PDB file of N, CA and C in Angstrom:
ATOM      1  N   MET A   1      -3.573  37.829 -64.579  1.00  0.00           N
ATOM      2  CA  MET A   1      -4.474  38.704 -63.864  1.00  0.00           C
ATOM      3  C   MET A   1      -5.904  38.407 -64.280  1.00  0.00           C
ATOM      4  N   GLN A   2      -6.830  38.706 -63.382  1.00  0.00           N
ATOM      5  CA  GLN A   2      -8.230  38.551 -63.699  1.00  0.00           C
ATOM      6  C   GLN A   2      -8.977  39.809 -63.274  1.00  0.00           C
ATOM      7  N   SER A   3      -9.994  40.140 -64.057  1.00  0.00           N
ATOM      8  CA  SER A   3     -10.815  41.296 -63.716  1.00  0.00           C
ATOM      9  C   SER A   3     -11.815  40.897 -62.640  1.00  0.00           C
ATOM     10  N   ALA A   4     -12.630  41.840 -62.201  1.00  0.00           N
ATOM     11  CA  ALA A   4     -13.629  41.576 -61.176  1.00  0.00           C
ATOM     12  C   ALA A   4     -14.661  40.559 -61.648  1.00  0.00           C
ATOM     13  N   THR A   5     -14.855  40.462 -62.956  1.00  0.00           N
ATOM     14  CA  THR A   5     -15.820  39.506 -63.510  1.00  0.00           C
ATOM     15  C   THR A   5     -15.220  38.122 -63.690  1.00  0.00           C
ATOM     16  N   GLY A   6     -13.933  37.948 -63.392  1.00  0.00           N
ATOM     17  CA  GLY A   6     -13.285  36.650 -63.516  1.00  0.00           C
ATOM     18  C   GLY A   6     -12.650  36.401 -64.871  1.00  0.00           C
ATOM     19  N   VAL A   7     -12.713  37.377 -65.778  1.00  0.00           N
ATOM     20  CA  VAL A   7     -12.131  37.224 -67.113  1.00  0.00           C
ATOM     21  C   VAL A   7     -10.640  37.545 -67.027  1.00  0.00           C
ATOM     22  N   PRO A   8      -9.757  36.683 -67.557  1.00  0.00           N
ATOM     23  CA  PRO A   8      -8.326  36.983 -67.536  1.00  0.00           C
ATOM     24  C   PRO A   8      -8.023  38.254 -68.339  1.00  0.00           C
ATOM     25  N   THR A   9      -7.149  39.093 -67.788  1.00  0.00           N
ATOM     26  CA  THR A   9      -6.813  40.352 -68.451  1.00  0.00           C
ATOM     27  C   THR A   9      -5.309  40.484 -68.618  1.00  0.00           C
ATOM     28  N   LYS A  10      -4.925  41.432 -69.445  1.00  0.00           N
ATOM     29  CA  LYS A  10      -3.524  41.795 -69.656  1.00  0.00           C
ATOM     30  C   LYS A  10      -3.499  43.286 -69.947  1.00  0.00           C
ATOM     31  N   PHE A  11      -2.296  43.837 -70.066  1.00  0.00           N
ATOM     32  CA  PHE A  11      -2.163  45.250 -70.384  1.00  0.00           C
ATOM     33  C   PHE A  11      -1.812  45.415 -71.853  1.00  0.00           C
ATOM     34  N   CYS A  12      -2.367  46.455 -72.478  1.00  0.00           N
ATOM     35  CA  CYS A  12      -2.084  46.756 -73.870  1.00  0.00           C
ATOM     36  C   CYS A  12      -0.602  47.065 -74.044  1.00  0.00           C
ATOM     37  N   PHE A  13      -0.029  46.555 -75.111  1.00  0.00           N
ATOM     38  CA  PHE A  13       1.379  46.754 -75.423  1.00  0.00           C
ATOM     39  C   PHE A  13       1.703  48.224 -75.637  1.00  0.00           C
ATOM     40  N   ALA A  14       0.773  48.988 -76.212  1.00  0.00           N
ATOM     41  CA  ALA A  14       1.048  50.379 -76.574  1.00  0.00           C
ATOM     42  C   ALA A  14       0.592  51.389 -75.522  1.00  0.00           C
ATOM     43  N   CYS A  15      -0.658  51.262 -75.057  1.00  0.00           N
ATOM     44  CA  CYS A  15      -1.200  52.302 -74.175  1.00  0.00           C
ATOM     45  C   CYS A  15      -1.255  51.898 -72.709  1.00  0.00           C
ATOM     46  N   GLY A  16      -1.080  50.622 -72.394  1.00  0.00           N
ATOM     47  CA  GLY A  16      -1.089  50.173 -71.015  1.00  0.00           C
ATOM     48  C   GLY A  16      -2.473  49.979 -70.436  1.00  0.00           C
ATOM     49  N   ASN A  17      -3.519  50.115 -71.255  1.00  0.00           N
ATOM     50  CA  ASN A  17      -4.888  49.921 -70.806  1.00  0.00           C
ATOM     51  C   ASN A  17      -5.124  48.449 -70.511  1.00  0.00           C
ATOM     52  N   GLU A  18      -5.880  48.136 -69.453  1.00  0.00           N
ATOM     53  CA  GLU A  18      -6.193  46.751 -69.117  1.00  0.00           C
ATOM     54  C   GLU A  18      -7.253  46.231 -70.087  1.00  0.00           C
ATOM     55  N   ILE A  19      -6.938  45.124 -70.770  1.00  0.00           N
ATOM     56  CA  ILE A  19      -7.846  44.552 -71.768  1.00  0.00           C
ATOM     57  C   ILE A  19      -8.000  43.060 -71.533  1.00  0.00           C
ATOM     58  N   ASP A  20      -8.980  42.458 -72.187  1.00  0.00           N
ATOM     59  CA  ASP A  20      -9.191  41.015 -72.134  1.00  0.00           C
ATOM     60  C   ASP A  20      -7.948  40.316 -72.678  1.00  0.00           C
ATOM     61  N   SER A  21      -7.509  39.263 -72.013  1.00  0.00           N
ATOM     62  CA  SER A  21      -6.267  38.595 -72.416  1.00  0.00           C
ATOM     63  C   SER A  21      -6.386  37.931 -73.788  1.00  0.00           C
ATOM     64  N   ARG A  22      -7.597  37.701 -74.266  1.00  0.00           N
ATOM     65  CA  ARG A  22      -7.782  37.087 -75.587  1.00  0.00           C
ATOM     66  C   ARG A  22      -7.847  38.113 -76.712  1.00  0.00           C
ATOM     67  N   ALA A  23      -7.847  39.403 -76.363  1.00  0.00           N
ATOM     68  CA  ALA A  23      -7.982  40.454 -77.371  1.00  0.00           C
ATOM     69  C   ALA A  23      -6.746  40.509 -78.269  1.00  0.00           C
ATOM     70  N   GLU A  24      -6.991  40.574 -79.561  1.00  0.00           N
ATOM     71  CA  GLU A  24      -5.900  40.709 -80.528  1.00  0.00           C
ATOM     72  C   GLU A  24      -5.585  42.173 -80.794  1.00  0.00           C
ATOM     73  N   ILE A  25      -6.600  43.047 -80.624  1.00  0.00           N
ATOM     74  CA  ILE A  25      -6.441  44.479 -80.867  1.00  0.00           C
ATOM     75  C   ILE A  25      -7.009  45.220 -79.662  1.00  0.00           C
ATOM     76  N   CYS A  26      -6.281  46.218 -79.186  1.00  0.00           N
ATOM     77  CA  CYS A  26      -6.732  47.016 -78.049  1.00  0.00           C
ATOM     78  C   CYS A  26      -7.939  47.858 -78.462  1.00  0.00           C
ATOM     79  N   PRO A  27      -9.044  47.792 -77.723  1.00  0.00           N
ATOM     80  CA  PRO A  27     -10.213  48.594 -78.087  1.00  0.00           C
ATOM     81  C   PRO A  27     -10.006  50.092 -77.860  1.00  0.00           C
ATOM     82  N   LYS A  28      -9.046  50.466 -77.009  1.00  0.00           N
ATOM     83  CA  LYS A  28      -8.816  51.884 -76.731  1.00  0.00           C
ATOM     84  C   LYS A  28      -7.952  52.551 -77.798  1.00  0.00           C
ATOM     85  N   CYS A  29      -6.794  51.922 -78.124  1.00  0.00           N
ATOM     86  CA  CYS A  29      -5.862  52.577 -79.048  1.00  0.00           C
ATOM     87  C   CYS A  29      -5.800  51.905 -80.421  1.00  0.00           C
ATOM     88  N   GLY A  30      -6.351  50.696 -80.555  1.00  0.00           N
ATOM     89  CA  GLY A  30      -6.395  50.027 -81.841  1.00  0.00           C
ATOM     90  C   GLY A  30      -5.107  49.338 -82.264  1.00  0.00           C
ATOM     91  N   VAL A  31      -4.155  49.171 -81.349  1.00  0.00           N
ATOM     92  CA  VAL A  31      -2.875  48.543 -81.683  1.00  0.00           C
ATOM     93  C   VAL A  31      -2.994  47.027 -81.531  1.00  0.00           C
ATOM     94  N   ARG A  32      -2.480  46.285 -82.521  1.00  0.00           N
ATOM     95  CA  ARG A  32      -2.476  44.827 -82.462  1.00  0.00           C
ATOM     96  C   ARG A  32      -1.527  44.379 -81.362  1.00  0.00           C
ATOM     97  N   GLN A  33      -1.959  43.420 -80.570  1.00  0.00           N
ATOM     98  CA  GLN A  33      -1.191  42.924 -79.436  1.00  0.00           C
ATOM     99  C   GLN A  33      -0.254  41.800 -79.858  1.00  0.00           C
ATOM    100  N   PRO A  34       0.889  41.672 -79.169  1.00  0.00           N
ATOM    101  CA  PRO A  34       1.799  40.580 -79.494  1.00  0.00           C
ATOM    102  C   PRO A  34       1.122  39.238 -79.220  1.00  0.00           C
ATOM    103  N   VAL A  35       1.546  38.222 -79.937  1.00  0.00           N
ATOM    104  CA  VAL A  35       0.912  36.919 -79.856  1.00  0.00           C
ATOM    105  C   VAL A  35       1.101  36.284 -78.495  1.00  0.00           C
ATOM    106  N   SER A  36       2.311  36.316 -77.956  1.00  0.00           N
ATOM    107  CA  SER A  36       2.558  35.628 -76.705  1.00  0.00           C
ATOM    108  C   SER A  36       2.918  36.608 -75.615  1.00  0.00           C
ATOM    109  N   THR A  37       2.103  36.652 -74.559  1.00  0.00           N
ATOM    110  CA  THR A  37       2.392  37.455 -73.376  1.00  0.00           C
ATOM    111  C   THR A  37       2.355  36.529 -72.167  1.00  0.00           C
ATOM    112  N   ILE A  38       3.159  35.485 -72.216  1.00  0.00           N
ATOM    113  CA  ILE A  38       3.186  34.489 -71.155  1.00  0.00           C
ATOM    114  C   ILE A  38       4.025  35.005 -70.000  1.00  0.00           C
ATOM    115  N   ALA A  39       3.555  34.745 -68.804  1.00  0.00           N
ATOM    116  CA  ALA A  39       4.304  35.159 -67.615  1.00  0.00           C
ATOM    117  C   ALA A  39       5.570  34.334 -67.500  1.00  0.00           C
ATOM    118  N   GLY A  40       6.646  34.989 -67.116  1.00  0.00           N
ATOM    119  CA  GLY A  40       7.913  34.302 -66.937  1.00  0.00           C
ATOM    120  C   GLY A  40       7.947  33.553 -65.614  1.00  0.00           C
ATOM    121  N   PRO A  41       9.058  32.915 -65.304  1.00  0.00           N
ATOM    122  CA  PRO A  41       9.152  32.147 -64.055  1.00  0.00           C
ATOM    123  C   PRO A  41       9.110  33.024 -62.806  1.00  0.00           C
ATOM    124  N   PHE A  42       9.353  34.317 -62.952  1.00  0.00           N
ATOM    125  CA  PHE A  42       9.343  35.224 -61.812  1.00  0.00           C
ATOM    126  C   PHE A  42       8.161  36.171 -61.856  1.00  0.00           C
ATOM    127  N   GLY A  43       7.055  35.784 -62.440  1.00  0.00           N
ATOM    128  CA  GLY A  43       5.869  36.621 -62.488  1.00  0.00           C
ATOM    129  C   GLY A  43       5.658  37.206 -63.866  1.00  0.00           C
ATOM    130  N   ALA A  44       4.661  38.072 -63.929  1.00  0.00           N
ATOM    131  CA  ALA A  44       4.254  38.651 -65.198  1.00  0.00           C
ATOM    132  C   ALA A  44       5.248  39.691 -65.682  1.00  0.00           C
ATOM    133  N   ASN A  45       5.404  39.764 -66.987  1.00  0.00           N
ATOM    134  CA  ASN A  45       6.221  40.792 -67.614  1.00  0.00           C
ATOM    135  C   ASN A  45       5.331  41.946 -68.027  1.00  0.00           C
ATOM    136  N   THR A  46       5.908  43.135 -68.098  1.00  0.00           N
ATOM    137  CA  THR A  46       5.177  44.281 -68.621  1.00  0.00           C
ATOM    138  C   THR A  46       5.111  44.140 -70.136  1.00  0.00           C
ATOM    139  N   PRO A  47       4.304  44.943 -70.812  1.00  0.00           N
ATOM    140  CA  PRO A  47       4.264  44.859 -72.274  1.00  0.00           C
ATOM    141  C   PRO A  47       5.631  45.086 -72.922  1.00  0.00           C
ATOM    142  N   SER A  48       6.507  45.826 -72.264  1.00  0.00           N
ATOM    143  CA  SER A  48       7.838  46.058 -72.825  1.00  0.00           C
ATOM    144  C   SER A  48       8.811  44.935 -72.488  1.00  0.00           C
ATOM    145  N   GLY A  49       8.355  43.927 -71.732  1.00  0.00           N
ATOM    146  CA  GLY A  49       9.197  42.784 -71.404  1.00  0.00           C
ATOM    147  C   GLY A  49       9.926  42.891 -70.083  1.00  0.00           C
ATOM    148  N   LYS A  50       9.704  43.955 -69.346  1.00  0.00           N
ATOM    149  CA  LYS A  50      10.372  44.127 -68.052  1.00  0.00           C
ATOM    150  C   LYS A  50       9.643  43.307 -66.990  1.00  0.00           C
ATOM    151  N   ASN A  51      10.390  42.819 -66.013  1.00  0.00           N
ATOM    152  CA  ASN A  51       9.840  41.983 -64.971  1.00  0.00           C
ATOM    153  C   ASN A  51      10.060  42.657 -63.625  1.00  0.00           C
ATOM    154  N   ARG A  52       9.026  42.690 -62.805  1.00  0.00           N
ATOM    155  CA  ARG A  52       9.079  43.354 -61.506  1.00  0.00           C
ATOM    156  C   ARG A  52      10.100  42.700 -60.580  1.00  0.00           C
ATOM    157  N   ILE A  53      10.121  41.393 -60.524  1.00  0.00           N
ATOM    158  CA  ILE A  53      11.049  40.677 -59.646  1.00  0.00           C
ATOM    159  C   ILE A  53      12.491  40.871 -60.127  1.00  0.00           C
ATOM    160  N   GLY A  54      12.688  40.814 -61.426  1.00  0.00           N
ATOM    161  CA  GLY A  54      14.024  41.037 -61.975  1.00  0.00           C
ATOM    162  C   GLY A  54      14.542  42.425 -61.646  1.00  0.00           C
ATOM    163  N   ALA A  55      13.676  43.422 -61.800  1.00  0.00           N
ATOM    164  CA  ALA A  55      14.066  44.802 -61.476  1.00  0.00           C
ATOM    165  C   ALA A  55      14.382  44.936 -59.985  1.00  0.00           C
ATOM    166  N   ALA A  56      13.598  44.263 -59.147  1.00  0.00           N
ATOM    167  CA  ALA A  56      13.843  44.323 -57.705  1.00  0.00           C
ATOM    168  C   ALA A  56      15.181  43.691 -57.346  1.00  0.00           C
ATOM    169  N   LEU A  57      15.506  42.550 -57.948  1.00  0.00           N
ATOM    170  CA  LEU A  57      16.784  41.895 -57.673  1.00  0.00           C
ATOM    171  C   LEU A  57      17.959  42.741 -58.144  1.00  0.00           C
ATOM    172  N   PHE A  58      17.824  43.340 -59.329  1.00  0.00           N
ATOM    173  CA  PHE A  58      18.870  44.246 -59.809  1.00  0.00           C
ATOM    174  C   PHE A  58      19.048  45.417 -58.843  1.00  0.00           C
ATOM    175  N   ALA A  59      17.927  45.978 -58.368  1.00  0.00           N
ATOM    176  CA  ALA A  59      18.005  47.136 -57.480  1.00  0.00           C
ATOM    177  C   ALA A  59      18.646  46.781 -56.142  1.00  0.00           C
ATOM    178  N   ILE A  60      18.299  45.626 -55.605  1.00  0.00           N
ATOM    179  CA  ILE A  60      18.826  45.248 -54.290  1.00  0.00           C
ATOM    180  C   ILE A  60      20.310  44.911 -54.364  1.00  0.00           C
ATOM    181  N   PHE A  61      20.704  44.121 -55.367  1.00  0.00           N
ATOM    182  CA  PHE A  61      22.083  43.642 -55.414  1.00  0.00           C
ATOM    183  C   PHE A  61      23.042  44.541 -56.211  1.00  0.00           C
ATOM    184  N   LEU A  62      22.535  45.235 -57.239  1.00  0.00           N
ATOM    185  CA  LEU A  62      23.395  46.066 -58.080  1.00  0.00           C
ATOM    186  C   LEU A  62      22.897  47.506 -58.164  1.00  0.00           C
ATOM    187  N   GLY A  63      22.071  47.899 -57.203  1.00  0.00           N
ATOM    188  CA  GLY A  63      21.476  49.233 -57.210  1.00  0.00           C
ATOM    189  C   GLY A  63      22.480  50.360 -57.116  1.00  0.00           C
ATOM    190  N   GLY A  64      23.602  50.101 -56.472  1.00  0.00           N
ATOM    191  CA  GLY A  64      24.623  51.140 -56.342  1.00  0.00           C
ATOM    192  C   GLY A  64      25.225  51.542 -57.672  1.00  0.00           C
ATOM    193  N   LEU A  65      25.150  50.656 -58.650  1.00  0.00           N
ATOM    194  CA  LEU A  65      25.663  50.958 -59.990  1.00  0.00           C
ATOM    195  C   LEU A  65      24.551  51.396 -60.949  1.00  0.00           C
ATOM    196  N   GLY A  66      23.316  51.374 -60.465  1.00  0.00           N
ATOM    197  CA  GLY A  66      22.197  51.814 -61.290  1.00  0.00           C
ATOM    198  C   GLY A  66      21.757  50.808 -62.340  1.00  0.00           C
ATOM    199  N   ILE A  67      22.129  49.544 -62.179  1.00  0.00           N
ATOM    200  CA  ILE A  67      21.784  48.530 -63.179  1.00  0.00           C
ATOM    201  C   ILE A  67      20.276  48.418 -63.346  1.00  0.00           C
ATOM    202  N   HIS A  68      19.523  48.532 -62.263  1.00  0.00           N
ATOM    203  CA  HIS A  68      18.065  48.439 -62.358  1.00  0.00           C
ATOM    204  C   HIS A  68      17.488  49.585 -63.183  1.00  0.00           C
ATOM    205  N   LYS A  69      18.110  50.749 -63.133  1.00  0.00           N
ATOM    206  CA  LYS A  69      17.629  51.882 -63.930  1.00  0.00           C
ATOM    207  C   LYS A  69      17.883  51.640 -65.418  1.00  0.00           C
ATOM    208  N   PHE A  70      19.044  51.090 -65.743  1.00  0.00           N
ATOM    209  CA  PHE A  70      19.306  50.738 -67.142  1.00  0.00           C
ATOM    210  C   PHE A  70      18.319  49.676 -67.616  1.00  0.00           C
ATOM    211  N   TYR A  71      18.053  48.681 -66.776  1.00  0.00           N
ATOM    212  CA  TYR A  71      17.116  47.607 -67.111  1.00  0.00           C
ATOM    213  C   TYR A  71      15.721  48.157 -67.394  1.00  0.00           C
ATOM    214  N   LEU A  72      15.302  49.156 -66.638  1.00  0.00           N
ATOM    215  CA  LEU A  72      13.972  49.727 -66.802  1.00  0.00           C
ATOM    216  C   LEU A  72      13.906  50.799 -67.881  1.00  0.00           C
ATOM    217  N   GLY A  73      15.036  51.071 -68.545  1.00  0.00           N
ATOM    218  CA  GLY A  73      15.053  52.045 -69.634  1.00  0.00           C
ATOM    219  C   GLY A  73      15.267  53.471 -69.179  1.00  0.00           C
ATOM    220  N   ARG A  74      15.630  53.681 -67.943  1.00  0.00           N
ATOM    221  CA  ARG A  74      15.898  55.016 -67.407  1.00  0.00           C
ATOM    222  C   ARG A  74      17.409  55.256 -67.441  1.00  0.00           C
ATOM    223  N   VAL A  75      17.951  55.450 -68.636  1.00  0.00           N
ATOM    224  CA  VAL A  75      19.399  55.529 -68.838  1.00  0.00           C
ATOM    225  C   VAL A  75      20.002  56.736 -68.123  1.00  0.00           C
ATOM    226  N   GLY A  76      19.343  57.864 -68.165  1.00  0.00           N
ATOM    227  CA  GLY A  76      19.853  59.061 -67.491  1.00  0.00           C
ATOM    228  C   GLY A  76      20.037  58.833 -65.997  1.00  0.00           C
ATOM    229  N   TRP A  77      19.036  58.215 -65.371  1.00  0.00           N
ATOM    230  CA  TRP A  77      19.143  57.903 -63.953  1.00  0.00           C
ATOM    231  C   TRP A  77      20.238  56.877 -63.707  1.00  0.00           C
ATOM    232  N   GLY A  78      20.380  55.910 -64.613  1.00  0.00           N
ATOM    233  CA  GLY A  78      21.434  54.914 -64.475  1.00  0.00           C
ATOM    234  C   GLY A  78      22.813  55.546 -64.493  1.00  0.00           C
ATOM    235  N   ILE A  79      23.025  56.501 -65.383  1.00  0.00           N
ATOM    236  CA  ILE A  79      24.308  57.202 -65.460  1.00  0.00           C
ATOM    237  C   ILE A  79      24.543  58.020 -64.187  1.00  0.00           C
ATOM    238  N   LEU A  80      23.497  58.656 -63.678  1.00  0.00           N
ATOM    239  CA  LEU A  80      23.620  59.420 -62.436  1.00  0.00           C
ATOM    240  C   LEU A  80      24.020  58.505 -61.272  1.00  0.00           C
ATOM    241  N   TYR A  81      23.418  57.323 -61.208  1.00  0.00           N
ATOM    242  CA  TYR A  81      23.792  56.360 -60.167  1.00  0.00           C
ATOM    243  C   TYR A  81      25.258  55.950 -60.317  1.00  0.00           C
ATOM    244  N   LEU A  82      25.707  55.738 -61.554  1.00  0.00           N
ATOM    245  CA  LEU A  82      27.103  55.364 -61.781  1.00  0.00           C
ATOM    246  C   LEU A  82      28.065  56.463 -61.343  1.00  0.00           C
ATOM    247  N   VAL A  83      27.725  57.707 -61.641  1.00  0.00           N
ATOM    248  CA  VAL A  83      28.593  58.832 -61.305  1.00  0.00           C
ATOM    249  C   VAL A  83      28.762  58.962 -59.787  1.00  0.00           C
ATOM    250  N   PHE A  84      27.690  58.701 -59.046  1.00  0.00           N
ATOM    251  CA  PHE A  84      27.738  58.870 -57.597  1.00  0.00           C
ATOM    252  C   PHE A  84      27.863  57.556 -56.826  1.00  0.00           C
ATOM    253  N   CYS A  85      28.232  56.468 -57.501  1.00  0.00           N
ATOM    254  CA  CYS A  85      28.306  55.171 -56.820  1.00  0.00           C
ATOM    255  C   CYS A  85      29.339  55.157 -55.698  1.00  0.00           C
ATOM    256  N   TRP A  86      30.358  55.961 -55.789  1.00  0.00           N
ATOM    257  CA  TRP A  86      31.405  55.999 -54.769  1.00  0.00           C
ATOM    258  C   TRP A  86      30.901  56.539 -53.432  1.00  0.00           C
ATOM    259  N   THR A  87      29.745  57.238 -53.435  1.00  0.00           N
ATOM    260  CA  THR A  87      29.202  57.801 -52.197  1.00  0.00           C
ATOM    261  C   THR A  87      28.342  56.809 -51.427  1.00  0.00           C
ATOM    262  N   PHE A  88      28.010  55.692 -52.033  1.00  0.00           N
ATOM    263  CA  PHE A  88      27.130  54.659 -51.466  1.00  0.00           C
ATOM    264  C   PHE A  88      25.693  55.127 -51.268  1.00  0.00           C
ATOM    265  N   ILE A  89      25.381  56.351 -51.645  1.00  0.00           N
ATOM    266  CA  ILE A  89      23.992  56.830 -51.597  1.00  0.00           C
ATOM    267  C   ILE A  89      23.141  56.064 -52.605  1.00  0.00           C
ATOM    268  N   PRO A  90      23.615  55.846 -53.850  1.00  0.00           N
ATOM    269  CA  PRO A  90      22.811  55.054 -54.781  1.00  0.00           C
ATOM    270  C   PRO A  90      22.549  53.624 -54.284  1.00  0.00           C
ATOM    271  N   SER A  91      23.454  53.062 -53.510  1.00  0.00           N
ATOM    272  CA  SER A  91      23.242  51.719 -52.961  1.00  0.00           C
ATOM    273  C   SER A  91      22.060  51.710 -52.002  1.00  0.00           C
ATOM    274  N   LEU A  92      21.998  52.712 -51.146  1.00  0.00           N
ATOM    275  CA  LEU A  92      20.890  52.816 -50.202  1.00  0.00           C
ATOM    276  C   LEU A  92      19.572  53.063 -50.937  1.00  0.00           C
ATOM    277  N   VAL A  93      19.592  53.971 -51.900  1.00  0.00           N
ATOM    278  CA  VAL A  93      18.383  54.268 -52.674  1.00  0.00           C
ATOM    279  C   VAL A  93      17.960  53.041 -53.484  1.00  0.00           C
ATOM    280  N   GLY A  94      18.928  52.319 -54.044  1.00  0.00           N
ATOM    281  CA  GLY A  94      18.621  51.108 -54.798  1.00  0.00           C
ATOM    282  C   GLY A  94      17.976  50.044 -53.930  1.00  0.00           C
ATOM    283  N   LEU A  95      18.443  49.884 -52.715  1.00  0.00           N
ATOM    284  CA  LEU A  95      17.847  48.933 -51.784  1.00  0.00           C
ATOM    285  C   LEU A  95      16.396  49.297 -51.494  1.00  0.00           C
ATOM    286  N   ILE A  96      16.151  50.567 -51.250  1.00  0.00           N
ATOM    287  CA  ILE A  96      14.784  51.030 -50.984  1.00  0.00           C
ATOM    288  C   ILE A  96      13.903  50.829 -52.217  1.00  0.00           C
ATOM    289  N   GLU A  97      14.427  51.153 -53.397  1.00  0.00           N
ATOM    290  CA  GLU A  97      13.644  50.960 -54.629  1.00  0.00           C
ATOM    291  C   GLU A  97      13.356  49.479 -54.871  1.00  0.00           C
ATOM    292  N   GLY A  98      14.320  48.623 -54.572  1.00  0.00           N
ATOM    293  CA  GLY A  98      14.100  47.184 -54.723  1.00  0.00           C
ATOM    294  C   GLY A  98      12.973  46.692 -53.845  1.00  0.00           C
ATOM    295  N   ILE A  99      12.927  47.172 -52.618  1.00  0.00           N
ATOM    296  CA  ILE A  99      11.837  46.795 -51.713  1.00  0.00           C
ATOM    297  C   ILE A  99      10.505  47.325 -52.233  1.00  0.00           C
ATOM    298  N   ILE A 100      10.510  48.537 -52.764  1.00  0.00           N
ATOM    299  CA  ILE A 100       9.282  49.111 -53.333  1.00  0.00           C
ATOM    300  C   ILE A 100       8.805  48.269 -54.515  1.00  0.00           C
ATOM    301  N   TYR A 101       9.720  47.839 -55.378  1.00  0.00           N
ATOM    302  CA  TYR A 101       9.339  46.988 -56.505  1.00  0.00           C
ATOM    303  C   TYR A 101       8.730  45.681 -56.015  1.00  0.00           C
ATOM    304  N   LEU A 102       9.288  45.114 -54.947  1.00  0.00           N
ATOM    305  CA  LEU A 102       8.796  43.829 -54.434  1.00  0.00           C
ATOM    306  C   LEU A 102       7.399  43.942 -53.839  1.00  0.00           C
ATOM    307  N   VAL A 103       7.097  45.041 -53.180  1.00  0.00           N
ATOM    308  CA  VAL A 103       5.785  45.165 -52.540  1.00  0.00           C
ATOM    309  C   VAL A 103       4.715  45.737 -53.478  1.00  0.00           C
ATOM    310  N   SER A 104       5.112  46.272 -54.626  1.00  0.00           N
ATOM    311  CA  SER A 104       4.110  46.794 -55.564  1.00  0.00           C
ATOM    312  C   SER A 104       3.496  45.633 -56.346  1.00  0.00           C
ATOM    313  N   SER A 105       2.305  45.847 -56.849  1.00  0.00           N
ATOM    314  CA  SER A 105       1.626  44.809 -57.626  1.00  0.00           C
ATOM    315  C   SER A 105       2.151  44.811 -59.064  1.00  0.00           C
ATOM    316  N   ASP A 106       1.906  43.703 -59.766  1.00  0.00           N
ATOM    317  CA  ASP A 106       2.305  43.619 -61.167  1.00  0.00           C
ATOM    318  C   ASP A 106       1.598  44.692 -61.993  1.00  0.00           C
ATOM    319  N   ALA A 107       0.348  44.982 -61.659  1.00  0.00           N
ATOM    320  CA  ALA A 107      -0.412  45.986 -62.405  1.00  0.00           C
ATOM    321  C   ALA A 107       0.194  47.381 -62.224  1.00  0.00           C
ATOM    322  N   ASP A 108       0.536  47.730 -60.991  1.00  0.00           N
ATOM    323  CA  ASP A 108       1.145  49.045 -60.740  1.00  0.00           C
ATOM    324  C   ASP A 108       2.498  49.158 -61.427  1.00  0.00           C
ATOM    325  N   PHE A 109       3.282  48.093 -61.365  1.00  0.00           N
ATOM    326  CA  PHE A 109       4.600  48.101 -62.004  1.00  0.00           C
ATOM    327  C   PHE A 109       4.450  48.243 -63.517  1.00  0.00           C
ATOM    328  N   ALA A 110       3.483  47.535 -64.100  1.00  0.00           N
ATOM    329  CA  ALA A 110       3.275  47.604 -65.552  1.00  0.00           C
ATOM    330  C   ALA A 110       2.801  48.989 -65.987  1.00  0.00           C
ATOM    331  N   LYS A 111       1.985  49.635 -65.168  1.00  0.00           N
ATOM    332  CA  LYS A 111       1.533  50.979 -65.507  1.00  0.00           C
ATOM    333  C   LYS A 111       2.679  51.971 -65.503  1.00  0.00           C
ATOM    334  N   LYS A 112       3.615  51.812 -64.563  1.00  0.00           N
ATOM    335  CA  LYS A 112       4.705  52.765 -64.446  1.00  0.00           C
ATOM    336  C   LYS A 112       5.842  52.480 -65.423  1.00  0.00           C
ATOM    337  N   TYR A 113       6.195  51.213 -65.626  1.00  0.00           N
ATOM    338  CA  TYR A 113       7.360  50.861 -66.430  1.00  0.00           C
ATOM    339  C   TYR A 113       7.017  50.102 -67.701  1.00  0.00           C
ATOM    340  N   GLY A 114       5.743  49.860 -67.963  1.00  0.00           N
ATOM    341  CA  GLY A 114       5.342  49.073 -69.138  1.00  0.00           C
ATOM    342  C   GLY A 114       5.313  49.899 -70.354  1.00  0.00           C
TER     343      GLY A 114
END
């Protein structure tokens, strides 16, 4: 990512604030940043290591079982999806969530799930 001034940016590991990609310590919260925040083959990862494309694929193909919710750390929602998987409602909701993940930006995804 780049800011309006053209400087590459990343999100803080702890607070999610957008900072200079070369920063070792977040100026907002003072937490030291991990050494390597390289984007994976499917786009940028959030500070917690979650990937927007990966979450979208899980939601589209395995959304009925709530796998995408487990992947994103929402265990309670994942269990709820598992309990109601026989109704196929979680499959429909998972498909819609997968599409939402695909059309959202990396920055929005990182703010919500990072």
